[in-house]
PDB file of N, CA and C in Angstrom:
ATOM      1  N   MET A   1     -19.573  22.263 -14.619  1.00  0.00           N
ATOM      2  CA  MET A   1     -18.311  21.770 -14.895  1.00  0.00           C
ATOM      3  C   MET A   1     -18.218  20.494 -15.791  1.00  0.00           C
ATOM      4  N   ASP A   2     -17.499  20.427 -16.908  1.00  0.00           N
ATOM      5  CA  ASP A   2     -17.495  19.166 -17.780  1.00  0.00           C
ATOM      6  C   ASP A   2     -16.256  18.330 -17.098  1.00  0.00           C
ATOM      7  N   GLU A   3     -16.766  17.101 -16.719  1.00  0.00           N
ATOM      8  CA  GLU A   3     -15.690  16.088 -16.581  1.00  0.00           C
ATOM      9  C   GLU A   3     -14.819  15.533 -17.585  1.00  0.00           C
ATOM     10  N   LEU A   4     -13.637  15.610 -17.431  1.00  0.00           N
ATOM     11  CA  LEU A   4     -12.722  14.943 -18.534  1.00  0.00           C
ATOM     12  C   LEU A   4     -12.244  13.597 -18.011  1.00  0.00           C
ATOM     13  N   VAL A   5     -11.938  12.793 -19.089  1.00  0.00           N
ATOM     14  CA  VAL A   5     -11.290  11.685 -18.946  1.00  0.00           C
ATOM     15  C   VAL A   5      -9.820  11.680 -18.663  1.00  0.00           C
ATOM     16  N   ALA A   6      -9.249  11.142 -17.413  1.00  0.00           N
ATOM     17  CA  ALA A   6      -7.912  11.262 -17.203  1.00  0.00           C
ATOM     18  C   ALA A   6      -7.310   9.976 -17.744  1.00  0.00           C
ATOM     19  N   PRO A   7      -6.058  10.047 -18.185  1.00  0.00           N
ATOM     20  CA  PRO A   7      -5.473   8.972 -18.745  1.00  0.00           C
ATOM     21  C   PRO A   7      -4.898   8.095 -17.365  1.00  0.00           C
ATOM     22  N   PRO A   8      -4.723   6.750 -17.464  1.00  0.00           N
ATOM     23  CA  PRO A   8      -4.227   6.043 -16.483  1.00  0.00           C
ATOM     24  C   PRO A   8      -2.855   6.415 -15.877  1.00  0.00           C
ATOM     25  N   PHE A   9      -2.625   6.443 -14.640  1.00  0.00           N
ATOM     26  CA  PHE A   9      -1.354   6.716 -13.897  1.00  0.00           C
ATOM     27  C   PHE A   9      -1.194   5.586 -13.113  1.00  0.00           C
ATOM     28  N   GLU A  10       0.112   5.292 -12.832  1.00  0.00           N
ATOM     29  CA  GLU A  10       0.547   4.418 -11.697  1.00  0.00           C
ATOM     30  C   GLU A  10       1.781   5.044 -11.010  1.00  0.00           C
ATOM     31  N   MET A  11       2.032   4.642  -9.708  1.00  0.00           N
ATOM     32  CA  MET A  11       3.277   5.084  -8.972  1.00  0.00           C
ATOM     33  C   MET A  11       3.944   3.855  -8.789  1.00  0.00           C
ATOM     34  N   HIS A  12       5.254   3.888  -9.040  1.00  0.00           N
ATOM     35  CA  HIS A  12       6.140   2.640  -8.727  1.00  0.00           C
ATOM     36  C   HIS A  12       7.163   3.217  -7.860  1.00  0.00           C
ATOM     37  N   GLU A  13       7.457   2.284  -6.930  1.00  0.00           N
ATOM     38  CA  GLU A  13       8.455   2.281  -6.099  1.00  0.00           C
ATOM     39  C   GLU A  13       9.278   0.851  -5.727  1.00  0.00           C
ATOM     40  N   ASP A  14      10.506   0.910  -5.689  1.00  0.00           N
ATOM     41  CA  ASP A  14      11.402  -0.440  -5.309  1.00  0.00           C
ATOM     42  C   ASP A  14      11.534  -0.245  -3.900  1.00  0.00           C
ATOM     43  N   TRP A  15      11.110  -1.201  -3.129  1.00  0.00           N
ATOM     44  CA  TRP A  15      11.039  -1.295  -1.652  1.00  0.00           C
ATOM     45  C   TRP A  15      11.390  -2.493  -1.058  1.00  0.00           C
ATOM     46  N   THR A  16      12.060  -2.343   0.061  1.00  0.00           N
ATOM     47  CA  THR A  16      12.540  -3.644   0.921  1.00  0.00           C
ATOM     48  C   THR A  16      11.211  -3.993   1.556  1.00  0.00           C
ATOM     49  N   LEU A  17      11.324  -5.311   2.005  1.00  0.00           N
ATOM     50  CA  LEU A  17      10.360  -5.914   2.785  1.00  0.00           C
ATOM     51  C   LEU A  17      10.035  -5.090   4.171  1.00  0.00           C
ATOM     52  N   ALA A  18      11.016  -4.586   4.718  1.00  0.00           N
ATOM     53  CA  ALA A  18      10.961  -3.626   5.967  1.00  0.00           C
ATOM     54  C   ALA A  18      10.192  -2.319   5.559  1.00  0.00           C
ATOM     55  N   GLN A  19      10.481  -1.844   4.433  1.00  0.00           N
ATOM     56  CA  GLN A  19       9.631  -0.475   3.978  1.00  0.00           C
ATOM     57  C   GLN A  19       8.204  -0.892   3.716  1.00  0.00           C
ATOM     58  N   TYR A  20       7.977  -2.015   3.198  1.00  0.00           N
ATOM     59  CA  TYR A  20       6.559  -2.428   2.960  1.00  0.00           C
ATOM     60  C   TYR A  20       5.778  -2.650   4.128  1.00  0.00           C
ATOM     61  N   ARG A  21       6.481  -3.351   5.028  1.00  0.00           N
ATOM     62  CA  ARG A  21       5.787  -3.623   6.396  1.00  0.00           C
ATOM     63  C   ARG A  21       5.481  -2.268   7.051  1.00  0.00           C
ATOM     64  N   GLY A  22       6.481  -1.438   6.983  1.00  0.00           N
ATOM     65  CA  GLY A  22       6.282   0.014   7.567  1.00  0.00           C
ATOM     66  C   GLY A  22       5.053   0.749   6.958  1.00  0.00           C
ATOM     67  N   PHE A  23       5.007   0.569   5.535  1.00  0.00           N
ATOM     68  CA  PHE A  23       3.817   1.181   5.020  1.00  0.00           C
ATOM     69  C   PHE A  23       2.659   0.535   5.533  1.00  0.00           C
ATOM     70  N   LEU A  24       2.406  -0.702   5.512  1.00  0.00           N
ATOM     71  CA  LEU A  24       1.089  -1.406   5.909  1.00  0.00           C
ATOM     72  C   LEU A  24       0.948  -0.979   7.352  1.00  0.00           C
ATOM     73  N   ARG A  25       1.775  -0.793   8.318  1.00  0.00           N
ATOM     74  CA  ARG A  25       1.577  -0.532   9.612  1.00  0.00           C
ATOM     75  C   ARG A  25       1.215   0.692   9.906  1.00  0.00           C
ATOM     76  N   SER A  26       1.369   1.733   8.723  1.00  0.00           N
ATOM     77  CA  SER A  26       1.076   3.042   8.934  1.00  0.00           C
ATOM     78  C   SER A  26      -0.434   3.450   8.582  1.00  0.00           C
ATOM     79  N   TRP A  27      -1.068   2.324   8.222  1.00  0.00           N
ATOM     80  CA  TRP A  27      -2.657   2.411   7.862  1.00  0.00           C
ATOM     81  C   TRP A  27      -3.232   2.568   9.248  1.00  0.00           C
ATOM     82  N   SER A  28      -4.368   3.482   9.191  1.00  0.00           N
ATOM     83  CA  SER A  28      -5.063   3.630  10.372  1.00  0.00           C
ATOM     84  C   SER A  28      -5.901   2.228  10.791  1.00  0.00           C
ATOM     85  N   GLY A  29      -6.263   1.512   9.758  1.00  0.00           N
ATOM     86  CA  GLY A  29      -7.090   0.195  10.022  1.00  0.00           C
ATOM     87  C   GLY A  29      -5.952  -0.586  10.697  1.00  0.00           C
ATOM     88  N   THR A  30      -4.808  -0.766  10.402  1.00  0.00           N
ATOM     89  CA  THR A  30      -3.890  -1.626  11.006  1.00  0.00           C
ATOM     90  C   THR A  30      -3.759  -1.214  12.347  1.00  0.00           C
ATOM     91  N   GLN A  31      -3.511  -0.092  12.721  1.00  0.00           N
ATOM     92  CA  GLN A  31      -3.435   0.629  14.085  1.00  0.00           C
ATOM     93  C   GLN A  31      -4.657   0.148  14.869  1.00  0.00           C
ATOM     94  N   ARG A  32      -5.867   0.323  14.302  1.00  0.00           N
ATOM     95  CA  ARG A  32      -7.171  -0.112  15.090  1.00  0.00           C
ATOM     96  C   ARG A  32      -6.957  -1.431  15.376  1.00  0.00           C
ATOM     97  N   LEU A  33      -6.659  -2.308  14.588  1.00  0.00           N
ATOM     98  CA  LEU A  33      -6.523  -3.741  14.500  1.00  0.00           C
ATOM     99  C   LEU A  33      -5.607  -4.045  15.889  1.00  0.00           C
ATOM    100  N   ILE A  34      -4.478  -3.388  15.917  1.00  0.00           N
ATOM    101  CA  ILE A  34      -3.530  -3.708  16.878  1.00  0.00           C
ATOM    102  C   ILE A  34      -4.074  -3.311  18.252  1.00  0.00           C
ATOM    103  N   ALA A  35      -4.766  -1.894  18.122  1.00  0.00           N
ATOM    104  CA  ALA A  35      -5.501  -1.714  19.389  1.00  0.00           C
ATOM    105  C   ALA A  35      -6.511  -2.548  19.902  1.00  0.00           C
ATOM    106  N   ALA A  36      -7.150  -3.144  19.090  1.00  0.00           N
ATOM    107  CA  ALA A  36      -8.281  -4.073  19.424  1.00  0.00           C
ATOM    108  C   ALA A  36      -7.901  -5.505  19.724  1.00  0.00           C
ATOM    109  N   ARG A  37      -6.816  -5.995  19.045  1.00  0.00           N
ATOM    110  CA  ARG A  37      -6.463  -7.450  19.284  1.00  0.00           C
ATOM    111  C   ARG A  37      -5.120  -7.647  19.535  1.00  0.00           C
ATOM    112  N   GLY A  38      -4.335  -6.577  19.645  1.00  0.00           N
ATOM    113  CA  GLY A  38      -2.826  -6.713  19.913  1.00  0.00           C
ATOM    114  C   GLY A  38      -2.014  -6.941  18.766  1.00  0.00           C
ATOM    115  N   GLU A  39      -0.825  -7.240  18.805  1.00  0.00           N
ATOM    116  CA  GLU A  39      -0.030  -7.118  17.640  1.00  0.00           C
ATOM    117  C   GLU A  39       0.085  -8.518  16.936  1.00  0.00           C
ATOM    118  N   GLU A  40      -0.360  -9.527  17.689  1.00  0.00           N
ATOM    119  CA  GLU A  40      -0.187 -10.934  17.023  1.00  0.00           C
ATOM    120  C   GLU A  40      -0.671 -11.042  15.630  1.00  0.00           C
ATOM    121  N   PRO A  41      -2.043 -10.709  15.402  1.00  0.00           N
ATOM    122  CA  PRO A  41      -2.530 -10.735  14.010  1.00  0.00           C
ATOM    123  C   PRO A  41      -1.577 -10.085  12.945  1.00  0.00           C
ATOM    124  N   ILE A  42      -0.986  -9.099  13.356  1.00  0.00           N
ATOM    125  CA  ILE A  42      -0.125  -8.335  12.372  1.00  0.00           C
ATOM    126  C   ILE A  42       1.190  -9.192  12.280  1.00  0.00           C
ATOM    127  N   LEU A  43       1.700  -9.702  13.376  1.00  0.00           N
ATOM    128  CA  LEU A  43       3.048 -10.343  13.292  1.00  0.00           C
ATOM    129  C   LEU A  43       2.768 -11.588  12.366  1.00  0.00           C
ATOM    130  N   ALA A  44       1.595 -12.187  12.489  1.00  0.00           N
ATOM    131  CA  ALA A  44       1.404 -13.431  11.845  1.00  0.00           C
ATOM    132  C   ALA A  44       1.238 -13.071  10.247  1.00  0.00           C
ATOM    133  N   PHE A  45       0.547 -12.019   9.919  1.00  0.00           N
ATOM    134  CA  PHE A  45       0.519 -11.469   8.515  1.00  0.00           C
ATOM    135  C   PHE A  45       1.995 -11.239   8.032  1.00  0.00           C
ATOM    136  N   GLU A  46       2.740 -10.563   8.901  1.00  0.00           N
ATOM    137  CA  GLU A  46       4.040 -10.190   8.425  1.00  0.00           C
ATOM    138  C   GLU A  46       4.970 -11.452   8.176  1.00  0.00           C
ATOM    139  N   ARG A  47       4.792 -12.478   8.926  1.00  0.00           N
ATOM    140  CA  ARG A  47       5.542 -13.599   8.745  1.00  0.00           C
ATOM    141  C   ARG A  47       5.243 -14.513   7.529  1.00  0.00           C
ATOM    142  N   GLU A  48       3.747 -14.380   7.172  1.00  0.00           N
ATOM    143  CA  GLU A  48       3.412 -14.833   5.784  1.00  0.00           C
ATOM    144  C   GLU A  48       3.943 -14.042   4.820  1.00  0.00           C
ATOM    145  N   LEU A  49       3.971 -12.656   4.838  1.00  0.00           N
ATOM    146  CA  LEU A  49       4.403 -11.614   3.881  1.00  0.00           C
ATOM    147  C   LEU A  49       5.884 -12.223   3.546  1.00  0.00           C
ATOM    148  N   ALA A  50       6.802 -12.309   4.655  1.00  0.00           N
ATOM    149  CA  ALA A  50       8.146 -12.377   4.602  1.00  0.00           C
ATOM    150  C   ALA A  50       8.237 -13.865   3.703  1.00  0.00           C
ATOM    151  N   SER A  51       7.535 -14.828   4.037  1.00  0.00           N
ATOM    152  CA  SER A  51       7.746 -16.118   3.266  1.00  0.00           C
ATOM    153  C   SER A  51       7.269 -15.779   1.873  1.00  0.00           C
ATOM    154  N   ALA A  52       6.236 -15.015   1.666  1.00  0.00           N
ATOM    155  CA  ALA A  52       5.918 -14.930   0.075  1.00  0.00           C
ATOM    156  C   ALA A  52       6.899 -13.925  -0.588  1.00  0.00           C
ATOM    157  N   TRP A  53       7.438 -13.088   0.212  1.00  0.00           N
ATOM    158  CA  TRP A  53       8.498 -12.034  -0.262  1.00  0.00           C
ATOM    159  C   TRP A  53       9.799 -12.926  -0.795  1.00  0.00           C
ATOM    160  N   GLY A  54      10.253 -13.888  -0.079  1.00  0.00           N
ATOM    161  CA  GLY A  54      11.226 -14.616  -0.614  1.00  0.00           C
ATOM    162  C   GLY A  54      12.752 -13.852  -0.191  1.00  0.00           C
ATOM    163  N   GLY A  55      13.734 -14.378  -0.751  1.00  0.00           N
ATOM    164  CA  GLY A  55      14.975 -13.758  -0.658  1.00  0.00           C
ATOM    165  C   GLY A  55      15.330 -12.629  -1.571  1.00  0.00           C
ATOM    166  N   THR A  56      14.232 -12.012  -2.256  1.00  0.00           N
ATOM    167  CA  THR A  56      14.542 -10.755  -3.144  1.00  0.00           C
ATOM    168  C   THR A  56      14.770  -9.745  -2.100  1.00  0.00           C
ATOM    169  N   PRO A  57      15.805  -8.947  -2.271  1.00  0.00           N
ATOM    170  CA  PRO A  57      16.103  -7.753  -1.348  1.00  0.00           C
ATOM    171  C   PRO A  57      15.088  -6.606  -1.666  1.00  0.00           C
ATOM    172  N   ARG A  58      14.668  -6.398  -2.768  1.00  0.00           N
ATOM    173  CA  ARG A  58      13.753  -5.206  -3.209  1.00  0.00           C
ATOM    174  C   ARG A  58      12.739  -5.947  -4.018  1.00  0.00           C
ATOM    175  N   ARG A  59      11.607  -5.324  -4.016  1.00  0.00           N
ATOM    176  CA  ARG A  59      10.408  -5.775  -5.128  1.00  0.00           C
ATOM    177  C   ARG A  59       9.719  -4.400  -5.498  1.00  0.00           C
ATOM    178  N   GLN A  60       9.328  -4.389  -6.672  1.00  0.00           N
ATOM    179  CA  GLN A  60       8.552  -3.219  -7.020  1.00  0.00           C
ATOM    180  C   GLN A  60       7.133  -3.388  -6.684  1.00  0.00           C
ATOM    181  N   VAL A  61       6.769  -2.113  -5.968  1.00  0.00           N
ATOM    182  CA  VAL A  61       5.592  -1.869  -5.620  1.00  0.00           C
ATOM    183  C   VAL A  61       4.671  -0.914  -6.519  1.00  0.00           C
ATOM    184  N   THR A  62       3.420  -1.145  -6.890  1.00  0.00           N
ATOM    185  CA  THR A  62       2.749  -0.492  -7.769  1.00  0.00           C
ATOM    186  C   THR A  62       1.507  -0.082  -7.184  1.00  0.00           C
ATOM    187  N   TRP A  63       1.005   1.274  -7.289  1.00  0.00           N
ATOM    188  CA  TRP A  63      -0.274   1.752  -7.090  1.00  0.00           C
ATOM    189  C   TRP A  63      -1.057   2.485  -8.030  1.00  0.00           C
ATOM    190  N   PRO A  64      -1.916   2.085  -8.189  1.00  0.00           N
ATOM    191  CA  PRO A  64      -2.865   2.812  -9.445  1.00  0.00           C
ATOM    192  C   PRO A  64      -3.212   4.208  -8.717  1.00  0.00           C
ATOM    193  N   LEU A  65      -3.243   5.222  -9.546  1.00  0.00           N
ATOM    194  CA  LEU A  65      -3.720   6.668  -9.195  1.00  0.00           C
ATOM    195  C   LEU A  65      -4.901   7.137  -9.989  1.00  0.00           C
ATOM    196  N   PHE A  66      -5.862   7.277  -9.208  1.00  0.00           N
ATOM    197  CA  PHE A  66      -7.142   7.759  -9.934  1.00  0.00           C
ATOM    198  C   PHE A  66      -7.386   9.302  -9.836  1.00  0.00           C
ATOM    199  N   LEU A  67      -7.606   9.780 -10.964  1.00  0.00           N
ATOM    200  CA  LEU A  67      -7.866  11.470 -10.891  1.00  0.00           C
ATOM    201  C   LEU A  67      -9.254  11.403 -11.369  1.00  0.00           C
ATOM    202  N   ARG A  68     -10.017  12.593 -10.805  1.00  0.00           N
ATOM    203  CA  ARG A  68     -11.323  13.113 -11.246  1.00  0.00           C
ATOM    204  C   ARG A  68     -11.082  14.392 -11.615  1.00  0.00           C
ATOM    205  N   VAL A  69     -11.067  14.891 -12.823  1.00  0.00           N
ATOM    206  CA  VAL A  69     -10.641  16.142 -13.291  1.00  0.00           C
ATOM    207  C   VAL A  69     -11.954  16.702 -14.251  1.00  0.00           C
ATOM    208  N   GLY A  70     -11.985  18.205 -14.291  1.00  0.00           N
ATOM    209  CA  GLY A  70     -12.793  18.691 -14.932  1.00  0.00           C
ATOM    210  C   GLY A  70     -12.468  19.971 -15.491  1.00  0.00           C
ATOM    211  N   GLU A  71     -13.269  20.616 -16.370  1.00  0.00           N
ATOM    212  CA  GLU A  71     -13.057  22.018 -16.898  1.00  0.00           C
ATOM    213  C   GLU A  71     -14.200  22.670 -16.551  1.00  0.00           C
ATOM    214  N   ILE A  72     -13.901  23.895 -15.915  1.00  0.00           N
ATOM    215  CA  ILE A  72     -14.979  24.783 -15.669  1.00  0.00           C
ATOM    216  C   ILE A  72     -15.049  25.767 -16.799  1.00  0.00           C
ATOM    217  N   ARG A  73     -16.178  25.929 -17.289  1.00  0.00           N
ATOM    218  CA  ARG A  73     -16.682  26.643 -18.463  1.00  0.00           C
ATOM    219  C   ARG A  73     -17.501  27.988 -18.072  1.00  0.00           C
TER     220      ARG A  73
END
């Protein structure tokens, strides 16, 4: 298989702070932290995140997407 160079891709969403917090809480690593140490480390992070987020109702969240593609000959 010959590997091809994929163009850069990004995914963009306009999210509220609550949506972003929900996304971060969906991570398995976040759930393991809560199970190991309780919810306080996450709540402390969420307070800092809210402070940095400011009064803006929505912000654009961007994820780079990486592809590994090839052509079978």
